[in-house]
Amino acid sequence: MNAAYTAPIELPMTIYHAAELKEFMLDVLERGPCVHFDLSAVPEIDCAGVQLLVAARRRAAERQQACEFVGANDAVLATLALLGVAQTLTQAQPSVDTLSALQEPAL
């Protein structure tokens, strides 16, 4: 079994860094069948950042990869909860229903 590739995200996941983060996340998804994005150092996240998470999860599902978001701090979790996606994005294996509910990929 292949080990997970863990990629830390240390920039604010905001509209101001969306283009840079999009490139980074797409590159990381090329690195193997199981990818963990470590969100523990993300100082803030906005709707653009959440769109990146959703799009990464969708891209991975299309490629039949595992894509997990680990280590989310309280600030990130609070934003995800406010937007109603905390449980969806922090669960390890999203269901088909979850993926179909997350439309409009940003990547």
N, C-alpha and C. Protein backbone atom coordinates (compact mmCIF):
# COMPACT_ATOMS: atom_id res chain seq x y z
N MET A 1 0.84 -1.18 0.00
CA MET A 1 0.00 0.00 0.00
C MET A 1 0.89 1.25 0.00
N ASN A 2 0.54 2.22 -0.80
CA ASN A 2 1.33 3.44 -0.89
C ASN A 2 1.09 4.34 0.31
N ALA A 3 2.16 4.95 0.77
CA ALA A 3 2.03 5.88 1.89
C ALA A 3 1.41 7.18 1.40
N ALA A 4 0.77 7.86 2.29
CA ALA A 4 0.15 9.15 1.96
C ALA A 4 1.23 10.20 1.81
N TYR A 5 1.04 11.08 0.86
CA TYR A 5 1.91 12.23 0.70
C TYR A 5 1.25 13.38 1.45
N THR A 6 1.97 13.97 2.39
CA THR A 6 1.42 15.07 3.18
C THR A 6 2.05 16.38 2.72
N ALA A 7 1.18 17.34 2.43
CA ALA A 7 1.62 18.66 1.96
C ALA A 7 1.09 19.73 2.90
N PRO A 8 1.97 20.45 3.57
CA PRO A 8 1.50 21.53 4.44
C PRO A 8 1.09 22.76 3.62
N ILE A 9 0.01 23.38 4.03
CA ILE A 9 -0.40 24.66 3.45
C ILE A 9 -0.18 25.70 4.53
N GLU A 10 0.63 26.70 4.24
CA GLU A 10 1.00 27.68 5.25
C GLU A 10 0.55 29.09 4.92
N LEU A 11 -0.01 29.28 3.74
CA LEU A 11 -0.51 30.60 3.34
C LEU A 11 -1.96 30.77 3.80
N PRO A 12 -2.42 32.01 3.92
CA PRO A 12 -3.85 32.21 4.13
C PRO A 12 -4.58 31.66 2.91
N MET A 13 -5.62 30.89 3.13
CA MET A 13 -6.41 30.34 2.03
C MET A 13 -7.51 31.34 1.71
N THR A 14 -7.08 32.44 1.09
CA THR A 14 -7.99 33.54 0.78
C THR A 14 -7.90 33.86 -0.71
N ILE A 15 -8.79 34.71 -1.15
CA ILE A 15 -8.83 35.12 -2.55
C ILE A 15 -7.49 35.66 -3.01
N TYR A 16 -6.74 36.27 -2.11
CA TYR A 16 -5.45 36.88 -2.45
C TYR A 16 -4.37 35.85 -2.79
N HIS A 17 -4.55 34.62 -2.35
CA HIS A 17 -3.57 33.57 -2.60
C HIS A 17 -4.16 32.41 -3.42
N ALA A 18 -5.38 32.57 -3.91
CA ALA A 18 -6.09 31.46 -4.56
C ALA A 18 -5.34 30.91 -5.78
N ALA A 19 -4.83 31.77 -6.63
CA ALA A 19 -4.15 31.30 -7.84
C ALA A 19 -2.90 30.49 -7.49
N GLU A 20 -2.12 31.00 -6.55
CA GLU A 20 -0.90 30.31 -6.12
C GLU A 20 -1.24 28.97 -5.47
N LEU A 21 -2.25 28.96 -4.61
CA LEU A 21 -2.65 27.73 -3.93
C LEU A 21 -3.24 26.72 -4.90
N LYS A 22 -3.96 27.18 -5.89
CA LYS A 22 -4.53 26.28 -6.89
C LYS A 22 -3.41 25.51 -7.58
N GLU A 23 -2.39 26.21 -8.05
CA GLU A 23 -1.25 25.55 -8.69
C GLU A 23 -0.58 24.54 -7.76
N PHE A 24 -0.35 24.97 -6.53
CA PHE A 24 0.29 24.10 -5.53
C PHE A 24 -0.54 22.83 -5.31
N MET A 25 -1.84 23.00 -5.11
CA MET A 25 -2.69 21.85 -4.81
C MET A 25 -2.80 20.90 -5.99
N LEU A 26 -2.87 21.44 -7.20
CA LEU A 26 -2.89 20.58 -8.38
C LEU A 26 -1.59 19.78 -8.50
N ASP A 27 -0.48 20.42 -8.23
CA ASP A 27 0.81 19.73 -8.25
C ASP A 27 0.86 18.61 -7.21
N VAL A 28 0.38 18.90 -6.03
CA VAL A 28 0.39 17.89 -4.96
C VAL A 28 -0.47 16.69 -5.34
N LEU A 29 -1.61 16.93 -5.97
CA LEU A 29 -2.48 15.83 -6.35
C LEU A 29 -1.83 14.90 -7.38
N GLU A 30 -0.78 15.35 -8.04
CA GLU A 30 -0.06 14.51 -8.99
C GLU A 30 0.92 13.57 -8.29
N ARG A 31 1.11 13.71 -7.00
CA ARG A 31 2.19 12.99 -6.31
C ARG A 31 1.83 11.61 -5.80
N GLY A 32 0.60 11.20 -5.93
CA GLY A 32 0.29 9.85 -5.49
C GLY A 32 -1.19 9.62 -5.27
N PRO A 33 -1.53 8.38 -4.97
CA PRO A 33 -2.93 8.01 -4.83
C PRO A 33 -3.58 8.44 -3.52
N CYS A 34 -2.77 8.89 -2.57
CA CYS A 34 -3.32 9.33 -1.28
C CYS A 34 -2.58 10.60 -0.85
N VAL A 35 -3.33 11.68 -0.77
CA VAL A 35 -2.75 12.98 -0.44
C VAL A 35 -3.42 13.55 0.79
N HIS A 36 -2.61 14.05 1.70
CA HIS A 36 -3.11 14.77 2.88
C HIS A 36 -2.64 16.22 2.77
N PHE A 37 -3.59 17.14 2.84
CA PHE A 37 -3.24 18.55 2.93
C PHE A 37 -3.30 18.92 4.40
N ASP A 38 -2.17 19.32 4.96
CA ASP A 38 -2.09 19.71 6.37
C ASP A 38 -2.46 21.18 6.50
N LEU A 39 -3.59 21.44 7.15
CA LEU A 39 -4.11 22.80 7.29
C LEU A 39 -3.75 23.44 8.63
N SER A 40 -2.89 22.81 9.41
CA SER A 40 -2.62 23.31 10.76
C SER A 40 -1.97 24.69 10.79
N ALA A 41 -1.26 25.07 9.74
CA ALA A 41 -0.60 26.38 9.71
C ALA A 41 -1.37 27.43 8.91
N VAL A 42 -2.56 27.10 8.44
CA VAL A 42 -3.36 28.06 7.68
C VAL A 42 -3.91 29.10 8.65
N PRO A 43 -3.51 30.37 8.52
CA PRO A 43 -3.95 31.38 9.48
C PRO A 43 -5.40 31.83 9.28
N GLU A 44 -5.89 31.75 8.04
CA GLU A 44 -7.29 32.12 7.78
C GLU A 44 -7.74 31.50 6.47
N ILE A 45 -9.05 31.39 6.33
CA ILE A 45 -9.64 30.84 5.12
C ILE A 45 -10.91 31.61 4.83
N ASP A 46 -11.14 31.85 3.54
CA ASP A 46 -12.39 32.50 3.14
C ASP A 46 -13.09 31.59 2.12
N CYS A 47 -14.12 32.09 1.49
CA CYS A 47 -14.89 31.27 0.55
C CYS A 47 -14.03 30.77 -0.61
N ALA A 48 -13.08 31.57 -1.05
CA ALA A 48 -12.19 31.13 -2.14
C ALA A 48 -11.35 29.94 -1.68
N GLY A 49 -10.89 29.99 -0.45
CA GLY A 49 -10.12 28.87 0.09
C GLY A 49 -10.96 27.62 0.24
N VAL A 50 -12.19 27.77 0.67
CA VAL A 50 -13.09 26.63 0.78
C VAL A 50 -13.34 26.04 -0.61
N GLN A 51 -13.50 26.89 -1.62
CA GLN A 51 -13.68 26.40 -2.98
C GLN A 51 -12.47 25.58 -3.43
N LEU A 52 -11.29 25.98 -3.03
CA LEU A 52 -10.09 25.21 -3.37
C LEU A 52 -10.12 23.83 -2.72
N LEU A 53 -10.56 23.76 -1.48
CA LEU A 53 -10.65 22.46 -0.80
C LEU A 53 -11.66 21.56 -1.50
N VAL A 54 -12.81 22.12 -1.82
CA VAL A 54 -13.85 21.35 -2.50
C VAL A 54 -13.35 20.88 -3.87
N ALA A 55 -12.72 21.77 -4.60
CA ALA A 55 -12.24 21.42 -5.92
C ALA A 55 -11.14 20.35 -5.86
N ALA A 56 -10.26 20.45 -4.87
CA ALA A 56 -9.22 19.43 -4.72
C ALA A 56 -9.84 18.08 -4.41
N ARG A 57 -10.83 18.06 -3.54
CA ARG A 57 -11.51 16.81 -3.19
C ARG A 57 -12.20 16.23 -4.43
N ARG A 58 -12.85 17.07 -5.21
CA ARG A 58 -13.53 16.61 -6.43
C ARG A 58 -12.51 16.08 -7.46
N ARG A 59 -11.43 16.81 -7.65
CA ARG A 59 -10.40 16.38 -8.61
C ARG A 59 -9.85 15.02 -8.19
N ALA A 60 -9.58 14.86 -6.92
CA ALA A 60 -9.07 13.58 -6.44
C ALA A 60 -10.09 12.47 -6.67
N ALA A 61 -11.35 12.74 -6.42
CA ALA A 61 -12.39 11.73 -6.64
C ALA A 61 -12.47 11.33 -8.11
N GLU A 62 -12.34 12.31 -8.99
CA GLU A 62 -12.36 12.02 -10.43
C GLU A 62 -11.20 11.11 -10.81
N ARG A 63 -10.08 11.27 -10.12
CA ARG A 63 -8.88 10.48 -10.41
C ARG A 63 -8.80 9.23 -9.55
N GLN A 64 -9.84 8.99 -8.76
CA GLN A 64 -9.90 7.86 -7.84
C GLN A 64 -8.73 7.87 -6.86
N GLN A 65 -8.48 9.05 -6.31
CA GLN A 65 -7.45 9.24 -5.30
C GLN A 65 -8.13 9.53 -3.97
N ALA A 66 -7.38 9.33 -2.91
CA ALA A 66 -7.82 9.78 -1.59
C ALA A 66 -7.23 11.16 -1.36
N CYS A 67 -8.06 12.07 -0.88
CA CYS A 67 -7.63 13.44 -0.59
C CYS A 67 -8.22 13.83 0.75
N GLU A 68 -7.36 14.04 1.72
CA GLU A 68 -7.82 14.37 3.06
C GLU A 68 -7.24 15.70 3.50
N PHE A 69 -7.99 16.38 4.35
CA PHE A 69 -7.55 17.63 4.95
C PHE A 69 -7.37 17.37 6.43
N VAL A 70 -6.15 17.53 6.91
CA VAL A 70 -5.83 17.18 8.29
C VAL A 70 -5.32 18.39 9.04
N GLY A 71 -5.46 18.35 10.35
CA GLY A 71 -4.86 19.35 11.22
C GLY A 71 -5.51 20.72 11.20
N ALA A 72 -6.72 20.82 10.71
CA ALA A 72 -7.37 22.14 10.64
C ALA A 72 -7.44 22.76 12.02
N ASN A 73 -6.99 24.01 12.13
CA ASN A 73 -7.01 24.71 13.41
C ASN A 73 -8.41 25.28 13.67
N ASP A 74 -8.58 25.89 14.82
CA ASP A 74 -9.89 26.41 15.21
C ASP A 74 -10.42 27.47 14.24
N ALA A 75 -9.55 28.33 13.73
CA ALA A 75 -10.00 29.38 12.81
C ALA A 75 -10.55 28.77 11.52
N VAL A 76 -9.85 27.79 10.99
CA VAL A 76 -10.30 27.12 9.77
C VAL A 76 -11.59 26.36 10.04
N LEU A 77 -11.62 25.60 11.13
CA LEU A 77 -12.82 24.84 11.45
C LEU A 77 -14.04 25.73 11.67
N ALA A 78 -13.83 26.89 12.27
CA ALA A 78 -14.95 27.81 12.51
C ALA A 78 -15.52 28.31 11.18
N THR A 79 -14.66 28.63 10.24
CA THR A 79 -15.15 29.08 8.93
C THR A 79 -15.86 27.96 8.20
N LEU A 80 -15.28 26.76 8.23
CA LEU A 80 -15.92 25.63 7.58
C LEU A 80 -17.28 25.33 8.20
N ALA A 81 -17.37 25.46 9.54
CA ALA A 81 -18.65 25.24 10.22
C ALA A 81 -19.66 26.32 9.84
N LEU A 82 -19.21 27.56 9.79
CA LEU A 82 -20.09 28.67 9.42
C LEU A 82 -20.69 28.45 8.02
N LEU A 83 -19.89 27.90 7.13
CA LEU A 83 -20.34 27.65 5.76
C LEU A 83 -21.06 26.30 5.61
N GLY A 84 -21.11 25.54 6.70
CA GLY A 84 -21.82 24.27 6.69
C GLY A 84 -21.10 23.13 6.00
N VAL A 85 -19.77 23.22 5.90
CA VAL A 85 -19.01 22.17 5.21
C VAL A 85 -17.94 21.52 6.09
N ALA A 86 -17.94 21.82 7.36
CA ALA A 86 -16.87 21.30 8.24
C ALA A 86 -16.82 19.78 8.23
N GLN A 87 -17.95 19.13 8.46
CA GLN A 87 -17.95 17.67 8.52
C GLN A 87 -17.65 17.07 7.15
N THR A 88 -18.19 17.66 6.12
CA THR A 88 -17.98 17.16 4.76
C THR A 88 -16.51 17.19 4.37
N LEU A 89 -15.83 18.28 4.66
CA LEU A 89 -14.45 18.41 4.22
C LEU A 89 -13.44 17.79 5.17
N THR A 90 -13.82 17.52 6.38
CA THR A 90 -12.86 16.93 7.30
C THR A 90 -13.04 15.42 7.45
N GLN A 91 -14.07 14.84 6.82
CA GLN A 91 -14.20 13.39 6.85
C GLN A 91 -13.20 12.80 5.88
N ALA A 92 -12.67 11.64 6.22
CA ALA A 92 -11.59 11.05 5.42
C ALA A 92 -12.07 10.61 4.04
N GLN A 93 -13.13 9.89 3.96
CA GLN A 93 -13.61 9.38 2.68
C GLN A 93 -15.00 9.92 2.42
N PRO A 94 -15.12 10.91 1.54
CA PRO A 94 -16.43 11.47 1.26
C PRO A 94 -17.31 10.47 0.52
N SER A 95 -18.58 10.52 0.79
CA SER A 95 -19.52 9.65 0.10
C SER A 95 -19.83 10.21 -1.28
N VAL A 96 -20.43 9.41 -2.11
CA VAL A 96 -20.86 9.86 -3.43
C VAL A 96 -21.85 10.99 -3.28
N ASP A 97 -22.76 10.90 -2.30
CA ASP A 97 -23.74 11.95 -2.07
C ASP A 97 -23.05 13.26 -1.70
N THR A 98 -22.01 13.18 -0.88
CA THR A 98 -21.27 14.37 -0.49
C THR A 98 -20.62 15.01 -1.70
N LEU A 99 -19.97 14.21 -2.52
CA LEU A 99 -19.29 14.74 -3.69
C LEU A 99 -20.27 15.35 -4.68
N SER A 100 -21.41 14.72 -4.85
CA SER A 100 -22.37 15.29 -5.80
C SER A 100 -22.97 16.57 -5.26
N ALA A 101 -23.02 16.73 -3.95
CA ALA A 101 -23.56 17.95 -3.35
C ALA A 101 -22.58 19.12 -3.47
N LEU A 102 -21.31 18.81 -3.66
CA LEU A 102 -20.28 19.85 -3.76
C LEU A 102 -20.04 20.16 -5.24
N GLN A 103 -20.87 20.97 -5.80
CA GLN A 103 -20.78 21.34 -7.21
C GLN A 103 -19.88 22.56 -7.37
N GLU A 104 -19.70 23.00 -8.60
CA GLU A 104 -18.95 24.21 -8.93
C GLU A 104 -17.47 24.12 -8.54
N PRO A 105 -16.70 23.19 -9.11
CA PRO A 105 -15.28 23.11 -8.77
C PRO A 105 -14.52 24.37 -9.17
N ALA A 106 -13.59 24.77 -8.33
CA ALA A 106 -12.80 25.97 -8.60
C ALA A 106 -11.52 25.66 -9.36
N LEU A 107 -11.07 24.40 -9.35
CA LEU A 107 -9.80 24.07 -10.02
C LEU A 107 -10.02 23.73 -11.46
